[in-house]
Amino acid sequence: LSVVMVAMVTFISTLIHLYSVGYMSHDATPTRFFA
């Protein structure tokens, strides 16, 4: 149960982080957002 959640959360979150590089490219404080 733990590893199913860990694998899913990290995989989805990685894709969202990558997507955010483009989506938040014009934001004033992107490092705060990524933190």
Full PDB file with SEQRES, HELIX, SHEET, SSBOND, CRYST1, ORIGX, SCALE, CONECT and MASTER records, all heavy atoms in Angstrom:
SEQRES   1 A   35  LEU SER VAL VAL MET VAL ALA MET VAL THR PHE ILE SER          
SEQRES   2 A   35  THR LEU ILE HIS LEU TYR SER VAL GLY TYR MET SER HIS          
SEQRES   3 A   35  ASP ALA THR PRO THR ARG PHE PHE ALA                          
HELIX    1 AA1 SER A    2  TYR A   23  1                                  22    
HELIX    2 AA2 PRO A   30  PHE A   34  1                                   5    
CRYST1    1.000    1.000    1.000  90.00  90.00  90.00 P 1           1          
ORIGX1      1.000000  0.000000  0.000000        0.00000                         
ORIGX2      0.000000  1.000000  0.000000        0.00000                         
ORIGX3      0.000000  0.000000  1.000000        0.00000                         
SCALE1      1.000000  0.000000  0.000000        0.00000                         
SCALE2      0.000000  1.000000  0.000000        0.00000                         
SCALE3      0.000000  0.000000  1.000000        0.00000                         
ATOM      1  N   LEU A   1       0.835  -1.205   0.000  1.00  0.00           N  
ATOM      2  CA  LEU A   1       0.000   0.000   0.000  1.00  0.00           C  
ATOM      3  C   LEU A   1       0.867   1.252   0.000  1.00  0.00           C  
ATOM      4  O   LEU A   1       0.585   2.218  -0.725  1.00  0.00           O  
ATOM      5  CB  LEU A   1      -0.935  -0.011   1.211  1.00  0.00           C  
ATOM      6  CG  LEU A   1      -1.905   1.165   1.338  1.00  0.00           C  
ATOM      7  CD1 LEU A   1      -2.796   1.273   0.112  1.00  0.00           C  
ATOM      8  CD2 LEU A   1      -2.745   1.033   2.608  1.00  0.00           C  
ATOM      9  N   SER A   2       1.933   1.253   0.796  1.00  0.00           N  
ATOM     10  CA  SER A   2       2.827   2.413   0.840  1.00  0.00           C  
ATOM     11  C   SER A   2       3.534   2.624  -0.489  1.00  0.00           C  
ATOM     12  O   SER A   2       3.589   3.748  -0.995  1.00  0.00           O  
ATOM     13  CB  SER A   2       3.860   2.241   1.958  1.00  0.00           C  
ATOM     14  OG  SER A   2       3.261   2.321   3.224  1.00  0.00           O  
ATOM     15  N   VAL A   3       4.084   1.548  -1.060  1.00  0.00           N  
ATOM     16  CA  VAL A   3       4.877   1.734  -2.283  1.00  0.00           C  
ATOM     17  C   VAL A   3       3.995   2.081  -3.468  1.00  0.00           C  
ATOM     18  O   VAL A   3       4.438   2.785  -4.391  1.00  0.00           O  
ATOM     19  CB  VAL A   3       5.754   0.500  -2.584  1.00  0.00           C  
ATOM     20  CG1 VAL A   3       6.779   0.292  -1.492  1.00  0.00           C  
ATOM     21  CG2 VAL A   3       4.930  -0.750  -2.809  1.00  0.00           C  
ATOM     22  N   VAL A   4       2.742   1.612  -3.477  1.00  0.00           N  
ATOM     23  CA  VAL A   4       1.814   2.041  -4.532  1.00  0.00           C  
ATOM     24  C   VAL A   4       1.627   3.550  -4.469  1.00  0.00           C  
ATOM     25  O   VAL A   4       1.703   4.259  -5.492  1.00  0.00           O  
ATOM     26  CB  VAL A   4       0.460   1.316  -4.381  1.00  0.00           C  
ATOM     27  CG1 VAL A   4      -0.625   2.023  -5.195  1.00  0.00           C  
ATOM     28  CG2 VAL A   4       0.574  -0.126  -4.832  1.00  0.00           C  
ATOM     29  N   MET A   5       1.401   4.069  -3.270  1.00  0.00           N  
ATOM     30  CA  MET A   5       1.210   5.506  -3.106  1.00  0.00           C  
ATOM     31  C   MET A   5       2.493   6.273  -3.400  1.00  0.00           C  
ATOM     32  O   MET A   5       2.458   7.329  -4.063  1.00  0.00           O  
ATOM     33  CB  MET A   5       0.731   5.803  -1.688  1.00  0.00           C  
ATOM     34  CG  MET A   5      -0.635   5.246  -1.348  1.00  0.00           C  
ATOM     35  SD  MET A   5      -1.978   5.916  -2.345  1.00  0.00           S  
ATOM     36  CE  MET A   5      -1.953   7.631  -1.859  1.00  0.00           C  
ATOM     37  N   VAL A   6       3.633   5.775  -2.923  1.00  0.00           N  
ATOM     38  CA  VAL A   6       4.902   6.472  -3.154  1.00  0.00           C  
ATOM     39  C   VAL A   6       5.213   6.540  -4.645  1.00  0.00           C  
ATOM     40  O   VAL A   6       5.593   7.595  -5.174  1.00  0.00           O  
ATOM     41  CB  VAL A   6       6.045   5.781  -2.388  1.00  0.00           C  
ATOM     42  CG1 VAL A   6       7.405   6.317  -2.854  1.00  0.00           C  
ATOM     43  CG2 VAL A   6       5.894   5.994  -0.891  1.00  0.00           C  
ATOM     44  N   ALA A   7       5.066   5.420  -5.334  1.00  0.00           N  
ATOM     45  CA  ALA A   7       5.355   5.403  -6.773  1.00  0.00           C  
ATOM     46  C   ALA A   7       4.428   6.345  -7.533  1.00  0.00           C  
ATOM     47  O   ALA A   7       4.864   7.115  -8.404  1.00  0.00           O  
ATOM     48  CB  ALA A   7       5.216   3.982  -7.306  1.00  0.00           C  
ATOM     49  N   MET A   8       3.137   6.308  -7.202  1.00  0.00           N  
ATOM     50  CA  MET A   8       2.171   7.161  -7.889  1.00  0.00           C  
ATOM     51  C   MET A   8       2.424   8.638  -7.597  1.00  0.00           C  
ATOM     52  O   MET A   8       2.464   9.472  -8.509  1.00  0.00           O  
ATOM     53  CB  MET A   8       0.755   6.762  -7.482  1.00  0.00           C  
ATOM     54  CG  MET A   8      -0.354   7.551  -8.157  1.00  0.00           C  
ATOM     55  SD  MET A   8      -0.819   9.021  -7.205  1.00  0.00           S  
ATOM     56  CE  MET A   8      -1.611   8.290  -5.788  1.00  0.00           C  
ATOM     57  N   VAL A   9       2.621   8.978  -6.323  1.00  0.00           N  
ATOM     58  CA  VAL A   9       2.795  10.380  -5.940  1.00  0.00           C  
ATOM     59  C   VAL A   9       4.065  10.955  -6.566  1.00  0.00           C  
ATOM     60  O   VAL A   9       4.045  12.064  -7.128  1.00  0.00           O  
ATOM     61  CB  VAL A   9       2.843  10.515  -4.399  1.00  0.00           C  
ATOM     62  CG1 VAL A   9       3.300  11.914  -3.998  1.00  0.00           C  
ATOM     63  CG2 VAL A   9       1.475  10.228  -3.809  1.00  0.00           C  
ATOM     64  N   THR A  10       5.171  10.237  -6.488  1.00  0.00           N  
ATOM     65  CA  THR A  10       6.430  10.769  -7.033  1.00  0.00           C  
ATOM     66  C   THR A  10       6.382  10.877  -8.553  1.00  0.00           C  
ATOM     67  O   THR A  10       6.901  11.846  -9.125  1.00  0.00           O  
ATOM     68  CB  THR A  10       7.614   9.898  -6.601  1.00  0.00           C  
ATOM     69  OG1 THR A  10       7.363   8.524  -6.942  1.00  0.00           O  
ATOM     70  CG2 THR A  10       7.844   9.997  -5.107  1.00  0.00           C  
ATOM     71  N   PHE A  11       5.762   9.905  -9.209  1.00  0.00           N  
ATOM     72  CA  PHE A  11       5.696   9.938 -10.673  1.00  0.00           C  
ATOM     73  C   PHE A  11       4.834  11.103 -11.152  1.00  0.00           C  
ATOM     74  O   PHE A  11       5.253  11.894 -12.016  1.00  0.00           O  
ATOM     75  CB  PHE A  11       5.130   8.614 -11.194  1.00  0.00           C  
ATOM     76  CG  PHE A  11       5.142   8.498 -12.696  1.00  0.00           C  
ATOM     77  CD1 PHE A  11       6.310   8.174 -13.368  1.00  0.00           C  
ATOM     78  CD2 PHE A  11       3.991   8.716 -13.436  1.00  0.00           C  
ATOM     79  CE1 PHE A  11       6.324   8.074 -14.758  1.00  0.00           C  
ATOM     80  CE2 PHE A  11       3.991   8.617 -14.809  1.00  0.00           C  
ATOM     81  CZ  PHE A  11       5.159   8.296 -15.478  1.00  0.00           C  
ATOM     82  N   ILE A  12       3.631  11.228 -10.592  1.00  0.00           N  
ATOM     83  CA  ILE A  12       2.734  12.318 -10.990  1.00  0.00           C  
ATOM     84  C   ILE A  12       3.355  13.666 -10.636  1.00  0.00           C  
ATOM     85  O   ILE A  12       3.316  14.625 -11.427  1.00  0.00           O  
ATOM     86  CB  ILE A  12       1.360  12.166 -10.317  1.00  0.00           C  
ATOM     87  CG1 ILE A  12       0.683  10.861 -10.740  1.00  0.00           C  
ATOM     88  CG2 ILE A  12       0.473  13.366 -10.636  1.00  0.00           C  
ATOM     89  CD1 ILE A  12       0.298  10.775 -12.177  1.00  0.00           C  
ATOM     90  N   SER A  13       3.944  13.765  -9.451  1.00  0.00           N  
ATOM     91  CA  SER A  13       4.532  15.034  -9.019  1.00  0.00           C  
ATOM     92  C   SER A  13       5.703  15.437  -9.907  1.00  0.00           C  
ATOM     93  O   SER A  13       5.896  16.623 -10.183  1.00  0.00           O  
ATOM     94  CB  SER A  13       4.979  14.931  -7.562  1.00  0.00           C  
ATOM     95  OG  SER A  13       5.458  16.166  -7.091  1.00  0.00           O  
ATOM     96  N   THR A  14       6.487  14.468 -10.356  1.00  0.00           N  
ATOM     97  CA  THR A  14       7.600  14.784 -11.268  1.00  0.00           C  
ATOM     98  C   THR A  14       7.087  15.412 -12.559  1.00  0.00           C  
ATOM     99  O   THR A  14       7.629  16.416 -13.042  1.00  0.00           O  
ATOM    100  CB  THR A  14       8.396  13.514 -11.590  1.00  0.00           C  
ATOM    101  OG1 THR A  14       8.946  12.980 -10.386  1.00  0.00           O  
ATOM    102  CG2 THR A  14       9.534  13.810 -12.560  1.00  0.00           C  
ATOM    103  N   LEU A  15       6.038  14.837 -13.113  1.00  0.00           N  
ATOM    104  CA  LEU A  15       5.466  15.389 -14.344  1.00  0.00           C  
ATOM    105  C   LEU A  15       4.890  16.778 -14.118  1.00  0.00           C  
ATOM    106  O   LEU A  15       5.015  17.666 -14.972  1.00  0.00           O  
ATOM    107  CB  LEU A  15       4.384  14.445 -14.875  1.00  0.00           C  
ATOM    108  CG  LEU A  15       4.867  13.057 -15.321  1.00  0.00           C  
ATOM    109  CD1 LEU A  15       3.687  12.189 -15.729  1.00  0.00           C  
ATOM    110  CD2 LEU A  15       5.861  13.172 -16.472  1.00  0.00           C  
ATOM    111  N   ILE A  16       4.287  16.991 -12.957  1.00  0.00           N  
ATOM    112  CA  ILE A  16       3.731  18.310 -12.648  1.00  0.00           C  
ATOM    113  C   ILE A  16       4.851  19.327 -12.455  1.00  0.00           C  
ATOM    114  O   ILE A  16       4.736  20.490 -12.881  1.00  0.00           O  
ATOM    115  CB  ILE A  16       2.817  18.225 -11.407  1.00  0.00           C  
ATOM    116  CG1 ILE A  16       1.562  17.411 -11.752  1.00  0.00           C  
ATOM    117  CG2 ILE A  16       2.423  19.615 -10.915  1.00  0.00           C  
ATOM    118  CD1 ILE A  16       0.671  17.114 -10.568  1.00  0.00           C  
ATOM    119  N   HIS A  17       5.946  18.918 -11.819  1.00  0.00           N  
ATOM    120  CA  HIS A  17       7.104  19.803 -11.682  1.00  0.00           C  
ATOM    121  C   HIS A  17       7.646  20.204 -13.064  1.00  0.00           C  
ATOM    122  O   HIS A  17       7.945  21.380 -13.308  1.00  0.00           O  
ATOM    123  CB  HIS A  17       8.216  19.111 -10.893  1.00  0.00           C  
ATOM    124  CG  HIS A  17       8.087  19.248  -9.406  1.00  0.00           C  
ATOM    125  ND1 HIS A  17       7.103  18.612  -8.683  1.00  0.00           N  
ATOM    126  CD2 HIS A  17       8.826  19.955  -8.501  1.00  0.00           C  
ATOM    127  CE1 HIS A  17       7.237  18.918  -7.405  1.00  0.00           C  
ATOM    128  NE2 HIS A  17       8.260  19.726  -7.265  1.00  0.00           N  
ATOM    129  N   LEU A  18       7.777  19.214 -13.946  1.00  0.00           N  
ATOM    130  CA  LEU A  18       8.285  19.503 -15.290  1.00  0.00           C  
ATOM    131  C   LEU A  18       7.339  20.437 -16.034  1.00  0.00           C  
ATOM    132  O   LEU A  18       7.780  21.410 -16.670  1.00  0.00           O  
ATOM    133  CB  LEU A  18       8.452  18.186 -16.063  1.00  0.00           C  
ATOM    134  CG  LEU A  18       9.004  18.293 -17.488  1.00  0.00           C  
ATOM    135  CD1 LEU A  18      10.402  18.906 -17.491  1.00  0.00           C  
ATOM    136  CD2 LEU A  18       9.024  16.917 -18.155  1.00  0.00           C  
ATOM    137  N   TYR A  19       6.051  20.179 -15.960  1.00  0.00           N  
ATOM    138  CA  TYR A  19       5.041  21.030 -16.588  1.00  0.00           C  
ATOM    139  C   TYR A  19       5.127  22.452 -16.043  1.00  0.00           C  
ATOM    140  O   TYR A  19       4.988  23.437 -16.795  1.00  0.00           O  
ATOM    141  CB  TYR A  19       3.672  20.419 -16.319  1.00  0.00           C  
ATOM    142  CG  TYR A  19       2.477  21.178 -16.829  1.00  0.00           C  
ATOM    143  CD1 TYR A  19       1.903  20.860 -18.057  1.00  0.00           C  
ATOM    144  CD2 TYR A  19       1.883  22.182 -16.072  1.00  0.00           C  
ATOM    145  CE1 TYR A  19       0.780  21.537 -18.518  1.00  0.00           C  
ATOM    146  CE2 TYR A  19       0.763  22.858 -16.525  1.00  0.00           C  
ATOM    147  CZ  TYR A  19       0.214  22.533 -17.747  1.00  0.00           C  
ATOM    148  OH  TYR A  19      -0.897  23.203 -18.202  1.00  0.00           O  
ATOM    149  N   SER A  20       5.389  22.578 -14.744  1.00  0.00           N  
ATOM    150  CA  SER A  20       5.411  23.893 -14.101  1.00  0.00           C  
ATOM    151  C   SER A  20       6.554  24.766 -14.598  1.00  0.00           C  
ATOM    152  O   SER A  20       6.475  25.997 -14.516  1.00  0.00           O  
ATOM    153  CB  SER A  20       5.507  23.731 -12.581  1.00  0.00           C  
ATOM    154  OG  SER A  20       4.402  23.020 -12.083  1.00  0.00           O  
ATOM    155  N   VAL A  21       7.635  24.141 -15.088  1.00  0.00           N  
ATOM    156  CA  VAL A  21       8.749  24.923 -15.628  1.00  0.00           C  
ATOM    157  C   VAL A  21       8.254  25.822 -16.753  1.00  0.00           C  
ATOM    158  O   VAL A  21       8.645  26.993 -16.861  1.00  0.00           O  
ATOM    159  CB  VAL A  21       9.879  23.997 -16.121  1.00  0.00           C  
ATOM    160  CG1 VAL A  21      10.958  24.790 -16.856  1.00  0.00           C  
ATOM    161  CG2 VAL A  21      10.499  23.234 -14.948  1.00  0.00           C  
ATOM    162  N   GLY A  22       7.372  25.276 -17.592  1.00  0.00           N  
ATOM    163  CA  GLY A  22       6.805  26.089 -18.664  1.00  0.00           C  
ATOM    164  C   GLY A  22       5.664  26.964 -18.201  1.00  0.00           C  
ATOM    165  O   GLY A  22       5.582  28.142 -18.560  1.00  0.00           O  
ATOM    166  N   TYR A  23       4.792  26.404 -17.382  1.00  0.00           N  
ATOM    167  CA  TYR A  23       3.585  27.133 -16.978  1.00  0.00           C  
ATOM    168  C   TYR A  23       3.906  28.351 -16.123  1.00  0.00           C  
ATOM    169  O   TYR A  23       3.258  29.392 -16.233  1.00  0.00           O  
ATOM    170  CB  TYR A  23       2.651  26.190 -16.215  1.00  0.00           C  
ATOM    171  CG  TYR A  23       1.266  26.749 -16.005  1.00  0.00           C  
ATOM    172  CD1 TYR A  23       0.288  26.591 -16.984  1.00  0.00           C  
ATOM    173  CD2 TYR A  23       0.924  27.429 -14.842  1.00  0.00           C  
ATOM    174  CE1 TYR A  23      -0.993  27.096 -16.805  1.00  0.00           C  
ATOM    175  CE2 TYR A  23      -0.350  27.943 -14.653  1.00  0.00           C  
ATOM    176  CZ  TYR A  23      -1.300  27.779 -15.639  1.00  0.00           C  
ATOM    177  OH  TYR A  23      -2.561  28.290 -15.468  1.00  0.00           O  
ATOM    178  N   MET A  24       4.921  28.235 -15.263  1.00  0.00           N  
ATOM    179  CA  MET A  24       5.265  29.322 -14.337  1.00  0.00           C  
ATOM    180  C   MET A  24       6.453  30.143 -14.840  1.00  0.00           C  
ATOM    181  O   MET A  24       7.080  30.862 -14.061  1.00  0.00           O  
ATOM    182  CB  MET A  24       5.588  28.750 -12.957  1.00  0.00           C  
ATOM    183  CG  MET A  24       4.478  27.928 -12.337  1.00  0.00           C  
ATOM    184  SD  MET A  24       2.983  28.876 -11.989  1.00  0.00           S  
ATOM    185  CE  MET A  24       3.544  29.895 -10.620  1.00  0.00           C  
ATOM    186  N   SER A  25       6.749  30.048 -16.126  1.00  0.00           N  
ATOM    187  CA  SER A  25       7.945  30.703 -16.663  1.00  0.00           C  
ATOM    188  C   SER A  25       7.889  32.225 -16.547  1.00  0.00           C  
ATOM    189  O   SER A  25       8.934  32.878 -16.482  1.00  0.00           O  
ATOM    190  CB  SER A  25       8.151  30.303 -18.130  1.00  0.00           C  
ATOM    191  OG  SER A  25       7.023  30.681 -18.914  1.00  0.00           O  
ATOM    192  N   HIS A  26       6.697  32.802 -16.510  1.00  0.00           N  
ATOM    193  CA  HIS A  26       6.574  34.254 -16.422  1.00  0.00           C  
ATOM    194  C   HIS A  26       6.236  34.732 -15.011  1.00  0.00           C  
ATOM    195  O   HIS A  26       5.949  35.921 -14.814  1.00  0.00           O  
ATOM    196  CB  HIS A  26       5.502  34.746 -17.400  1.00  0.00           C  
ATOM    197  CG  HIS A  26       5.799  34.407 -18.829  1.00  0.00           C  
ATOM    198  ND1 HIS A  26       6.888  34.912 -19.497  1.00  0.00           N  
ATOM    199  CD2 HIS A  26       5.148  33.596 -19.709  1.00  0.00           C  
ATOM    200  CE1 HIS A  26       6.897  34.442 -20.743  1.00  0.00           C  
ATOM    201  NE2 HIS A  26       5.850  33.632 -20.896  1.00  0.00           N  
ATOM    202  N   ASP A  27       6.271  33.808 -14.059  1.00  0.00           N  
ATOM    203  CA  ASP A  27       5.947  34.184 -12.687  1.00  0.00           C  
ATOM    204  C   ASP A  27       7.125  34.912 -12.054  1.00  0.00           C  
ATOM    205  O   ASP A  27       8.291  34.669 -12.400  1.00  0.00           O  
ATOM    206  CB  ASP A  27       5.599  32.937 -11.869  1.00  0.00           C  
ATOM    207  CG  ASP A  27       5.019  33.281 -10.518  1.00  0.00           C  
ATOM    208  OD1 ASP A  27       3.855  33.710 -10.463  1.00  0.00           O  
ATOM    209  OD2 ASP A  27       5.748  33.140  -9.522  1.00  0.00           O  
ATOM    210  N   ALA A  28       6.815  35.766 -11.085  1.00  0.00           N  
ATOM    211  CA  ALA A  28       7.861  36.589 -10.474  1.00  0.00           C  
ATOM    212  C   ALA A  28       8.728  35.806  -9.499  1.00  0.00           C  
ATOM    213  O   ALA A  28       9.905  36.124  -9.319  1.00  0.00           O  
ATOM    214  CB  ALA A  28       7.222  37.787  -9.757  1.00  0.00           C  
ATOM    215  N   THR A  29       8.159  34.789  -8.828  1.00  0.00           N  
ATOM    216  CA  THR A  29       8.913  34.055  -7.802  1.00  0.00           C  
ATOM    217  C   THR A  29       8.777  32.540  -8.011  1.00  0.00           C  
ATOM    218  O   THR A  29       8.233  31.834  -7.149  1.00  0.00           O  
ATOM    219  CB  THR A  29       8.417  34.428  -6.397  1.00  0.00           C  
ATOM    220  OG1 THR A  29       7.003  34.166  -6.318  1.00  0.00           O  
ATOM    221  CG2 THR A  29       8.685  35.890  -6.096  1.00  0.00           C  
ATOM    222  N   PRO A  30       9.291  32.012  -9.110  1.00  0.00           N  
ATOM    223  CA  PRO A  30       9.112  30.575  -9.373  1.00  0.00           C  
ATOM    224  C   PRO A  30       9.831  29.676  -8.373  1.00  0.00           C  
ATOM    225  O   PRO A  30       9.370  28.561  -8.112  1.00  0.00           O  
ATOM    226  CB  PRO A  30       9.679  30.399 -10.785  1.00  0.00           C  
ATOM    227  CG  PRO A  30      10.624  31.540 -10.957  1.00  0.00           C  
ATOM    228  CD  PRO A  30      10.038  32.671 -10.192  1.00  0.00           C  
ATOM    229  N   THR A  31      10.960  30.134  -7.809  1.00  0.00           N  
ATOM    230  CA  THR A  31      11.676  29.270  -6.863  1.00  0.00           C  
ATOM    231  C   THR A  31      10.833  29.020  -5.612  1.00  0.00           C  
ATOM    232  O   THR A  31      10.861  27.923  -5.049  1.00  0.00           O  
ATOM    233  CB  THR A  31      13.024  29.893  -6.472  1.00  0.00           C  
ATOM    234  OG1 THR A  31      12.806  31.228  -5.977  1.00  0.00           O  
ATOM    235  CG2 THR A  31      13.949  29.965  -7.663  1.00  0.00           C  
ATOM    236  N   ARG A  32      10.088  30.020  -5.175  1.00  0.00           N  
ATOM    237  CA  ARG A  32       9.198  29.830  -4.027  1.00  0.00           C  
ATOM    238  C   ARG A  32       8.121  28.809  -4.358  1.00  0.00           C  
ATOM    239  O   ARG A  32       7.787  27.944  -3.539  1.00  0.00           O  
ATOM    240  CB  ARG A  32       8.574  31.175  -3.630  1.00  0.00           C  
ATOM    241  CG  ARG A  32       7.594  31.104  -2.476  1.00  0.00           C  
ATOM    242  CD  ARG A  32       7.257  32.500  -1.961  1.00  0.00           C  
ATOM    243  NE  ARG A  32       6.605  33.314  -2.954  1.00  0.00           N  
ATOM    244  CZ  ARG A  32       5.272  33.386  -3.106  1.00  0.00           C  
ATOM    245  NH1 ARG A  32       4.487  32.667  -2.319  1.00  0.00           N  
ATOM    246  NH2 ARG A  32       4.742  34.161  -4.022  1.00  0.00           N  
ATOM    247  N   PHE A  33       7.595  28.899  -5.574  1.00  0.00           N  
ATOM    248  CA  PHE A  33       6.562  27.957  -5.993  1.00  0.00           C  
ATOM    249  C   PHE A  33       7.089  26.528  -5.999  1.00  0.00           C  
ATOM    250  O   PHE A  33       6.445  25.609  -5.480  1.00  0.00           O  
ATOM    251  CB  PHE A  33       6.057  28.337  -7.390  1.00  0.00           C  
ATOM    252  CG  PHE A  33       5.050  27.375  -7.950  1.00  0.00           C  
ATOM    253  CD1 PHE A  33       3.726  27.438  -7.550  1.00  0.00           C  
ATOM    254  CD2 PHE A  33       5.420  26.408  -8.866  1.00  0.00           C  
ATOM    255  CE1 PHE A  33       2.784  26.547  -8.055  1.00  0.00           C  
ATOM    256  CE2 PHE A  33       4.495  25.512  -9.375  1.00  0.00           C  
ATOM    257  CZ  PHE A  33       3.177  25.593  -8.969  1.00  0.00           C  
ATOM    258  N   PHE A  34       8.273  26.320  -6.565  1.00  0.00           N  
ATOM    259  CA  PHE A  34       8.836  24.975  -6.642  1.00  0.00           C  
ATOM    260  C   PHE A  34       9.208  24.451  -5.255  1.00  0.00           C  
ATOM    261  O   PHE A  34       9.087  23.250  -4.989  1.00  0.00           O  
ATOM    262  CB  PHE A  34      10.045  24.961  -7.571  1.00  0.00           C  
ATOM    263  CG  PHE A  34       9.685  24.861  -9.024  1.00  0.00           C  
ATOM    264  CD1 PHE A  34       9.326  25.991  -9.753  1.00  0.00           C  
ATOM    265  CD2 PHE A  34       9.673  23.641  -9.670  1.00  0.00           C  
ATOM    266  CE1 PHE A  34       8.973  25.906 -11.085  1.00  0.00           C  
ATOM    267  CE2 PHE A  34       9.318  23.534 -11.004  1.00  0.00           C  
ATOM    268  CZ  PHE A  34       8.965  24.669 -11.720  1.00  0.00           C  
ATOM    269  N   ALA A  35       9.640  25.322  -4.374  1.00  0.00           N  
ATOM    270  CA  ALA A  35       9.944  24.897  -3.001  1.00  0.00           C  
ATOM    271  C   ALA A  35       8.671  24.403  -2.314  1.00  0.00           C  
ATOM    272  O   ALA A  35       8.674  23.358  -1.648  1.00  0.00           O  
ATOM    273  CB  ALA A  35      10.565  26.052  -2.218  1.00  0.00           C  
TER     274      ALA A  35                                                      
MASTER        0    0    0    2    0    0    0    6  273    1    0    3          
END                                                                             
